[in-house]
Amino acid sequence: STALMCSTVTISRGGYRGVLLAAIGLMLLAD
């Protein structure tokens, strides 16, 4: 659920690097 939230978030300044890495990391943990 947290990975999905990180993956679908929209950041106004475009700093998606941390958010995408968190989403992938949490997804790999859940999988």
Full PDB file with SEQRES, HELIX, SHEET, SSBOND, CRYST1, ORIGX, SCALE, CONECT and MASTER records, all heavy atoms in Angstrom:
SEQRES   1 A   31  SER THR ALA LEU MET CYS SER THR VAL THR ILE SER ARG          
SEQRES   2 A   31  GLY GLY TYR ARG GLY VAL LEU LEU ALA ALA ILE GLY LEU          
SEQRES   3 A   31  MET LEU LEU ALA ASP                                          
HELIX    1 AA1 THR A    2  THR A    8  1                                   7    
HELIX    2 AA2 ARG A   17  ALA A   30  1                                  14    
CRYST1    1.000    1.000    1.000  90.00  90.00  90.00 P 1           1          
ORIGX1      1.000000  0.000000  0.000000        0.00000                         
ORIGX2      0.000000  1.000000  0.000000        0.00000                         
ORIGX3      0.000000  0.000000  1.000000        0.00000                         
SCALE1      1.000000  0.000000  0.000000        0.00000                         
SCALE2      0.000000  1.000000  0.000000        0.00000                         
SCALE3      0.000000  0.000000  1.000000        0.00000                         
ATOM      1  N   SER A   1       0.829  -1.206   0.000  1.00  0.00           N  
ATOM      2  CA  SER A   1       0.000   0.000   0.000  1.00  0.00           C  
ATOM      3  C   SER A   1       0.864   1.257   0.000  1.00  0.00           C  
ATOM      4  O   SER A   1       0.586   2.213  -0.730  1.00  0.00           O  
ATOM      5  CB  SER A   1      -0.921   0.011   1.218  1.00  0.00           C  
ATOM      6  OG  SER A   1      -1.795  -1.073   1.185  1.00  0.00           O  
ATOM      7  N   THR A   2       1.916   1.250   0.805  1.00  0.00           N  
ATOM      8  CA  THR A   2       2.816   2.394   0.837  1.00  0.00           C  
ATOM      9  C   THR A   2       3.550   2.533  -0.494  1.00  0.00           C  
ATOM     10  O   THR A   2       3.761   3.650  -0.988  1.00  0.00           O  
ATOM     11  CB  THR A   2       3.825   2.247   1.990  1.00  0.00           C  
ATOM     12  OG1 THR A   2       3.108   2.012   3.196  1.00  0.00           O  
ATOM     13  CG2 THR A   2       4.658   3.495   2.145  1.00  0.00           C  
ATOM     14  N   ALA A   3       3.923   1.417  -1.095  1.00  0.00           N  
ATOM     15  CA  ALA A   3       4.580   1.466  -2.405  1.00  0.00           C  
ATOM     16  C   ALA A   3       3.642   2.054  -3.461  1.00  0.00           C  
ATOM     17  O   ALA A   3       4.069   2.856  -4.296  1.00  0.00           O  
ATOM     18  CB  ALA A   3       5.036   0.071  -2.816  1.00  0.00           C  
ATOM     19  N   LEU A   4       2.370   1.675  -3.414  1.00  0.00           N  
ATOM     20  CA  LEU A   4       1.401   2.240  -4.365  1.00  0.00           C  
ATOM     21  C   LEU A   4       1.226   3.734  -4.147  1.00  0.00           C  
ATOM     22  O   LEU A   4       1.111   4.500  -5.095  1.00  0.00           O  
ATOM     23  CB  LEU A   4       0.060   1.528  -4.247  1.00  0.00           C  
ATOM     24  CG  LEU A   4      -0.060   0.240  -5.025  1.00  0.00           C  
ATOM     25  CD1 LEU A   4      -1.362  -0.472  -4.660  1.00  0.00           C  
ATOM     26  CD2 LEU A   4      -0.012   0.500  -6.500  1.00  0.00           C  
ATOM     27  N   MET A   5       1.183   4.148  -2.878  1.00  0.00           N  
ATOM     28  CA  MET A   5       1.059   5.584  -2.597  1.00  0.00           C  
ATOM     29  C   MET A   5       2.274   6.341  -3.122  1.00  0.00           C  
ATOM     30  O   MET A   5       2.132   7.420  -3.686  1.00  0.00           O  
ATOM     31  CB  MET A   5       0.889   5.819  -1.096  1.00  0.00           C  
ATOM     32  CG  MET A   5      -0.485   5.475  -0.585  1.00  0.00           C  
ATOM     33  SD  MET A   5      -0.716   5.944   1.128  1.00  0.00           S  
ATOM     34  CE  MET A   5       0.027   4.561   1.961  1.00  0.00           C  
ATOM     35  N   CYS A   6       3.455   5.775  -2.923  1.00  0.00           N  
ATOM     36  CA  CYS A   6       4.677   6.434  -3.421  1.00  0.00           C  
ATOM     37  C   CYS A   6       4.697   6.472  -4.943  1.00  0.00           C  
ATOM     38  O   CYS A   6       5.186   7.430  -5.536  1.00  0.00           O  
ATOM     39  CB  CYS A   6       5.916   5.705  -2.911  1.00  0.00           C  
ATOM     40  SG  CYS A   6       6.239   5.936  -1.165  1.00  0.00           S  
ATOM     41  N   SER A   7       4.160   5.442  -5.562  1.00  0.00           N  
ATOM     42  CA  SER A   7       4.199   5.367  -7.015  1.00  0.00           C  
ATOM     43  C   SER A   7       3.213   6.331  -7.668  1.00  0.00           C  
ATOM     44  O   SER A   7       3.468   6.819  -8.768  1.00  0.00           O  
ATOM     45  CB  SER A   7       3.896   3.942  -7.462  1.00  0.00           C  
ATOM     46  OG  SER A   7       3.990   3.835  -8.850  1.00  0.00           O  
ATOM     47  N   THR A   8       2.114   6.610  -7.015  1.00  0.00           N  
ATOM     48  CA  THR A   8       1.088   7.450  -7.630  1.00  0.00           C  
ATOM     49  C   THR A   8       1.151   8.905  -7.189  1.00  0.00           C  
ATOM     50  O   THR A   8       0.345   9.705  -7.632  1.00  0.00           O  
ATOM     51  CB  THR A   8      -0.317   6.908  -7.311  1.00  0.00           C  
ATOM     52  OG1 THR A   8      -0.482   6.859  -5.894  1.00  0.00           O  
ATOM     53  CG2 THR A   8      -0.515   5.536  -7.905  1.00  0.00           C  
ATOM     54  N   VAL A   9       2.102   9.251  -6.345  1.00  0.00           N  
ATOM     55  CA  VAL A   9       2.185  10.618  -5.845  1.00  0.00           C  
ATOM     56  C   VAL A   9       2.648  11.559  -6.955  1.00  0.00           C  
ATOM     57  O   VAL A   9       3.400  11.178  -7.845  1.00  0.00           O  
ATOM     58  CB  VAL A   9       3.130  10.689  -4.614  1.00  0.00           C  
ATOM     59  CG1 VAL A   9       4.569  10.500  -5.031  1.00  0.00           C  
ATOM     60  CG2 VAL A   9       2.956  11.989  -3.881  1.00  0.00           C  
ATOM     61  N   THR A  10       2.159  12.781  -6.914  1.00  0.00           N  
ATOM     62  CA  THR A  10       2.584  13.810  -7.854  1.00  0.00           C  
ATOM     63  C   THR A  10       3.283  14.899  -7.058  1.00  0.00           C  
ATOM     64  O   THR A  10       2.720  15.452  -6.124  1.00  0.00           O  
ATOM     65  CB  THR A  10       1.382  14.414  -8.600  1.00  0.00           C  
ATOM     66  OG1 THR A  10       0.726  13.362  -9.288  1.00  0.00           O  
ATOM     67  CG2 THR A  10       1.819  15.476  -9.570  1.00  0.00           C  
ATOM     68  N   ILE A  11       4.509  15.184  -7.426  1.00  0.00           N  
ATOM     69  CA  ILE A  11       5.301  16.182  -6.717  1.00  0.00           C  
ATOM     70  C   ILE A  11       5.430  17.399  -7.609  1.00  0.00           C  
ATOM     71  O   ILE A  11       5.792  17.289  -8.786  1.00  0.00           O  
ATOM     72  CB  ILE A  11       6.690  15.619  -6.349  1.00  0.00           C  
ATOM     73  CG1 ILE A  11       6.515  14.414  -5.442  1.00  0.00           C  
ATOM     74  CG2 ILE A  11       7.548  16.674  -5.684  1.00  0.00           C  
ATOM     75  CD1 ILE A  11       7.799  13.691  -5.131  1.00  0.00           C  
ATOM     76  N   SER A  12       5.156  18.579  -7.068  1.00  0.00           N  
ATOM     77  CA  SER A  12       5.142  19.787  -7.891  1.00  0.00           C  
ATOM     78  C   SER A  12       6.531  20.181  -8.376  1.00  0.00           C  
ATOM     79  O   SER A  12       6.674  20.759  -9.441  1.00  0.00           O  
ATOM     80  CB  SER A  12       4.526  20.944  -7.104  1.00  0.00           C  
ATOM     81  OG  SER A  12       5.295  21.220  -5.954  1.00  0.00           O  
ATOM     82  N   ARG A  13       7.575  19.849  -7.630  1.00  0.00           N  
ATOM     83  CA  ARG A  13       8.920  20.253  -8.030  1.00  0.00           C  
ATOM     84  C   ARG A  13       9.623  19.182  -8.858  1.00  0.00           C  
ATOM     85  O   ARG A  13      10.728  19.382  -9.309  1.00  0.00           O  
ATOM     86  CB  ARG A  13       9.748  20.574  -6.800  1.00  0.00           C  
ATOM     87  CG  ARG A  13       9.198  21.768  -6.081  1.00  0.00           C  
ATOM     88  CD  ARG A  13      10.084  22.171  -4.961  1.00  0.00           C  
ATOM     89  NE  ARG A  13       9.468  23.302  -4.268  1.00  0.00           N  
ATOM     90  CZ  ARG A  13       9.724  23.627  -3.052  1.00  0.00           C  
ATOM     91  NH1 ARG A  13      10.574  22.923  -2.348  1.00  0.00           N  
ATOM     92  NH2 ARG A  13       9.135  24.654  -2.495  1.00  0.00           N  
ATOM     93  N   GLY A  14       9.018  18.027  -9.020  1.00  0.00           N  
ATOM     94  CA  GLY A  14       9.602  17.006  -9.878  1.00  0.00           C  
ATOM     95  C   GLY A  14      10.689  16.171  -9.233  1.00  0.00           C  
ATOM     96  O   GLY A  14      11.453  15.536  -9.935  1.00  0.00           O  
ATOM     97  N   GLY A  15      10.777  16.134  -7.913  1.00  0.00           N  
ATOM     98  CA  GLY A  15      11.799  15.335  -7.245  1.00  0.00           C  
ATOM     99  C   GLY A  15      11.322  13.914  -7.008  1.00  0.00           C  
ATOM    100  O   GLY A  15      11.089  13.508  -5.881  1.00  0.00           O  
ATOM    101  N   TYR A  16      11.184  13.170  -8.085  1.00  0.00           N  
ATOM    102  CA  TYR A  16      10.610  11.822  -7.999  1.00  0.00           C  
ATOM    103  C   TYR A  16      11.631  10.741  -7.639  1.00  0.00           C  
ATOM    104  O   TYR A  16      11.252   9.605  -7.418  1.00  0.00           O  
ATOM    105  CB  TYR A  16       9.974  11.434  -9.338  1.00  0.00           C  
ATOM    106  CG  TYR A  16       8.687  12.139  -9.622  1.00  0.00           C  
ATOM    107  CD1 TYR A  16       8.629  13.164 -10.549  1.00  0.00           C  
ATOM    108  CD2 TYR A  16       7.518  11.764  -8.981  1.00  0.00           C  
ATOM    109  CE1 TYR A  16       7.444  13.801 -10.827  1.00  0.00           C  
ATOM    110  CE2 TYR A  16       6.329  12.403  -9.240  1.00  0.00           C  
ATOM    111  CZ  TYR A  16       6.297  13.424 -10.168  1.00  0.00           C  
ATOM    112  OH  TYR A  16       5.124  14.044 -10.428  1.00  0.00           O  
ATOM    113  N   ARG A  17      12.891  11.062  -7.584  1.00  0.00           N  
ATOM    114  CA  ARG A  17      13.921  10.035  -7.391  1.00  0.00           C  
ATOM    115  C   ARG A  17      13.705   9.242  -6.109  1.00  0.00           C  
ATOM    116  O   ARG A  17      13.650   8.015  -6.123  1.00  0.00           O  
ATOM    117  CB  ARG A  17      15.298  10.668  -7.404  1.00  0.00           C  
ATOM    118  CG  ARG A  17      16.414   9.665  -7.286  1.00  0.00           C  
ATOM    119  CD  ARG A  17      17.722  10.325  -7.494  1.00  0.00           C  
ATOM    120  NE  ARG A  17      17.784  10.740  -8.898  1.00  0.00           N  
ATOM    121  CZ  ARG A  17      18.865  11.139  -9.504  1.00  0.00           C  
ATOM    122  NH1 ARG A  17      19.986  11.218  -8.833  1.00  0.00           N  
ATOM    123  NH2 ARG A  17      18.848  11.487 -10.766  1.00  0.00           N  
ATOM    124  N   GLY A  18      13.570   9.915  -4.986  1.00  0.00           N  
ATOM    125  CA  GLY A  18      13.378   9.233  -3.702  1.00  0.00           C  
ATOM    126  C   GLY A  18      12.064   8.486  -3.630  1.00  0.00           C  
ATOM    127  O   GLY A  18      11.979   7.385  -3.068  1.00  0.00           O  
ATOM    128  N   VAL A  19      11.037   9.081  -4.203  1.00  0.00           N  
ATOM    129  CA  VAL A  19       9.719   8.464  -4.171  1.00  0.00           C  
ATOM    130  C   VAL A  19       9.698   7.182  -5.003  1.00  0.00           C  
ATOM    131  O   VAL A  19       9.158   6.159  -4.580  1.00  0.00           O  
ATOM    132  CB  VAL A  19       8.649   9.463  -4.667  1.00  0.00           C  
ATOM    133  CG1 VAL A  19       7.293   8.822  -4.737  1.00  0.00           C  
ATOM    134  CG2 VAL A  19       8.601  10.673  -3.764  1.00  0.00           C  
ATOM    135  N   LEU A  20      10.300   7.221  -6.177  1.00  0.00           N  
ATOM    136  CA  LEU A  20      10.342   6.024  -7.022  1.00  0.00           C  
ATOM    137  C   LEU A  20      11.196   4.925  -6.408  1.00  0.00           C  
ATOM    138  O   LEU A  20      10.841   3.746  -6.467  1.00  0.00           O  
ATOM    139  CB  LEU A  20      10.865   6.367  -8.416  1.00  0.00           C  
ATOM    140  CG  LEU A  20       9.892   7.072  -9.349  1.00  0.00           C  
ATOM    141  CD1 LEU A  20      10.570   7.388 -10.673  1.00  0.00           C  
ATOM    142  CD2 LEU A  20       8.660   6.245  -9.576  1.00  0.00           C  
ATOM    143  N   LEU A  21      12.315   5.302  -5.803  1.00  0.00           N  
ATOM    144  CA  LEU A  21      13.153   4.298  -5.151  1.00  0.00           C  
ATOM    145  C   LEU A  21      12.449   3.681  -3.942  1.00  0.00           C  
ATOM    146  O   LEU A  21      12.570   2.476  -3.697  1.00  0.00           O  
ATOM    147  CB  LEU A  21      14.495   4.908  -4.746  1.00  0.00           C  
ATOM    148  CG  LEU A  21      15.423   5.244  -5.905  1.00  0.00           C  
ATOM    149  CD1 LEU A  21      16.673   5.945  -5.399  1.00  0.00           C  
ATOM    150  CD2 LEU A  21      15.780   3.996  -6.687  1.00  0.00           C  
ATOM    151  N   ALA A  22      11.709   4.500  -3.194  1.00  0.00           N  
ATOM    152  CA  ALA A  22      10.938   3.967  -2.064  1.00  0.00           C  
ATOM    153  C   ALA A  22       9.856   3.016  -2.555  1.00  0.00           C  
ATOM    154  O   ALA A  22       9.622   1.959  -1.957  1.00  0.00           O  
ATOM    155  CB  ALA A  22      10.320   5.114  -1.264  1.00  0.00           C  
ATOM    156  N   ALA A  23       9.189   3.379  -3.649  1.00  0.00           N  
ATOM    157  CA  ALA A  23       8.136   2.522  -4.199  1.00  0.00           C  
ATOM    158  C   ALA A  23       8.696   1.181  -4.645  1.00  0.00           C  
ATOM    159  O   ALA A  23       8.133   0.122  -4.337  1.00  0.00           O  
ATOM    160  CB  ALA A  23       7.435   3.224  -5.360  1.00  0.00           C  
ATOM    161  N   ILE A  24       9.822   1.197  -5.346  1.00  0.00           N  
ATOM    162  CA  ILE A  24      10.427  -0.054  -5.811  1.00  0.00           C  
ATOM    163  C   ILE A  24      10.921  -0.890  -4.631  1.00  0.00           C  
ATOM    164  O   ILE A  24      10.733  -2.106  -4.593  1.00  0.00           O  
ATOM    165  CB  ILE A  24      11.573   0.238  -6.811  1.00  0.00           C  
ATOM    166  CG1 ILE A  24      11.003   0.700  -8.138  1.00  0.00           C  
ATOM    167  CG2 ILE A  24      12.461  -0.971  -7.025  1.00  0.00           C  
ATOM    168  CD1 ILE A  24      10.224  -0.353  -8.895  1.00  0.00           C  
ATOM    169  N   GLY A  25      11.542  -0.247  -3.665  1.00  0.00           N  
ATOM    170  CA  GLY A  25      12.048  -0.975  -2.502  1.00  0.00           C  
ATOM    171  C   GLY A  25      10.938  -1.634  -1.690  1.00  0.00           C  
ATOM    172  O   GLY A  25      11.042  -2.809  -1.312  1.00  0.00           O  
ATOM    173  N   LEU A  26       9.879  -0.900  -1.434  1.00  0.00           N  
ATOM    174  CA  LEU A  26       8.757  -1.462  -0.681  1.00  0.00           C  
ATOM    175  C   LEU A  26       8.033  -2.542  -1.474  1.00  0.00           C  
ATOM    176  O   LEU A  26       7.569  -3.533  -0.907  1.00  0.00           O  
ATOM    177  CB  LEU A  26       7.788  -0.353  -0.269  1.00  0.00           C  
ATOM    178  CG  LEU A  26       8.307   0.569   0.827  1.00  0.00           C  
ATOM    179  CD1 LEU A  26       7.418   1.792   0.956  1.00  0.00           C  
ATOM    180  CD2 LEU A  26       8.412  -0.167   2.145  1.00  0.00           C  
ATOM    181  N   MET A  27       7.948  -2.361  -2.788  1.00  0.00           N  
ATOM    182  CA  MET A  27       7.331  -3.387  -3.619  1.00  0.00           C  
ATOM    183  C   MET A  27       8.143  -4.675  -3.576  1.00  0.00           C  
ATOM    184  O   MET A  27       7.585  -5.766  -3.456  1.00  0.00           O  
ATOM    185  CB  MET A  27       7.211  -2.905  -5.060  1.00  0.00           C  
ATOM    186  CG  MET A  27       6.581  -3.922  -5.987  1.00  0.00           C  
ATOM    187  SD  MET A  27       7.087  -3.751  -7.699  1.00  0.00           S  
ATOM    188  CE  MET A  27       8.803  -4.186  -7.638  1.00  0.00           C  
ATOM    189  N   LEU A  28       9.462  -4.557  -3.662  1.00  0.00           N  
ATOM    190  CA  LEU A  28      10.307  -5.745  -3.609  1.00  0.00           C  
ATOM    191  C   LEU A  28      10.201  -6.445  -2.260  1.00  0.00           C  
ATOM    192  O   LEU A  28      10.176  -7.679  -2.196  1.00  0.00           O  
ATOM    193  CB  LEU A  28      11.761  -5.376  -3.906  1.00  0.00           C  
ATOM    194  CG  LEU A  28      12.051  -4.967  -5.354  1.00  0.00           C  
ATOM    195  CD1 LEU A  28      13.485  -4.481  -5.480  1.00  0.00           C  
ATOM    196  CD2 LEU A  28      11.778  -6.117  -6.298  1.00  0.00           C  
ATOM    197  N   LEU A  29      10.103  -5.669  -1.182  1.00  0.00           N  
ATOM    198  CA  LEU A  29       9.927  -6.253   0.142  1.00  0.00           C  
ATOM    199  C   LEU A  29       8.603  -7.005   0.230  1.00  0.00           C  
ATOM    200  O   LEU A  29       8.544  -8.153   0.684  1.00  0.00           O  
ATOM    201  CB  LEU A  29       9.992  -5.164   1.211  1.00  0.00           C  
ATOM    202  CG  LEU A  29       9.709  -5.597   2.637  1.00  0.00           C  
ATOM    203  CD1 LEU A  29      10.814  -6.513   3.136  1.00  0.00           C  
ATOM    204  CD2 LEU A  29       9.577  -4.383   3.539  1.00  0.00           C  
ATOM    205  N   ALA A  30       7.521  -6.374  -0.228  1.00  0.00           N  
ATOM    206  CA  ALA A  30       6.206  -7.016  -0.179  1.00  0.00           C  
ATOM    207  C   ALA A  30       6.173  -8.256  -1.073  1.00  0.00           C  
ATOM    208  O   ALA A  30       5.608  -9.289  -0.690  1.00  0.00           O  
ATOM    209  CB  ALA A  30       5.123  -6.030  -0.609  1.00  0.00           C  
ATOM    210  N   ASP A  31       6.780  -8.180  -2.251  1.00  0.00           N  
ATOM    211  CA  ASP A  31       6.795  -9.338  -3.147  1.00  0.00           C  
ATOM    212  C   ASP A  31       7.619 -10.486  -2.577  1.00  0.00           C  
ATOM    213  O   ASP A  31       7.274 -11.656  -2.751  1.00  0.00           O  
ATOM    214  CB  ASP A  31       7.326  -8.948  -4.525  1.00  0.00           C  
ATOM    215  CG  ASP A  31       6.302  -8.170  -5.329  1.00  0.00           C  
ATOM    216  OD1 ASP A  31       5.127  -8.129  -4.923  1.00  0.00           O  
ATOM    217  OD2 ASP A  31       6.685  -7.607  -6.368  1.00  0.00           O  
TER     218      ASP A  31                                                      
MASTER        0    0    0    2    0    0    0    6  217    1    0    3          
END                                                                             
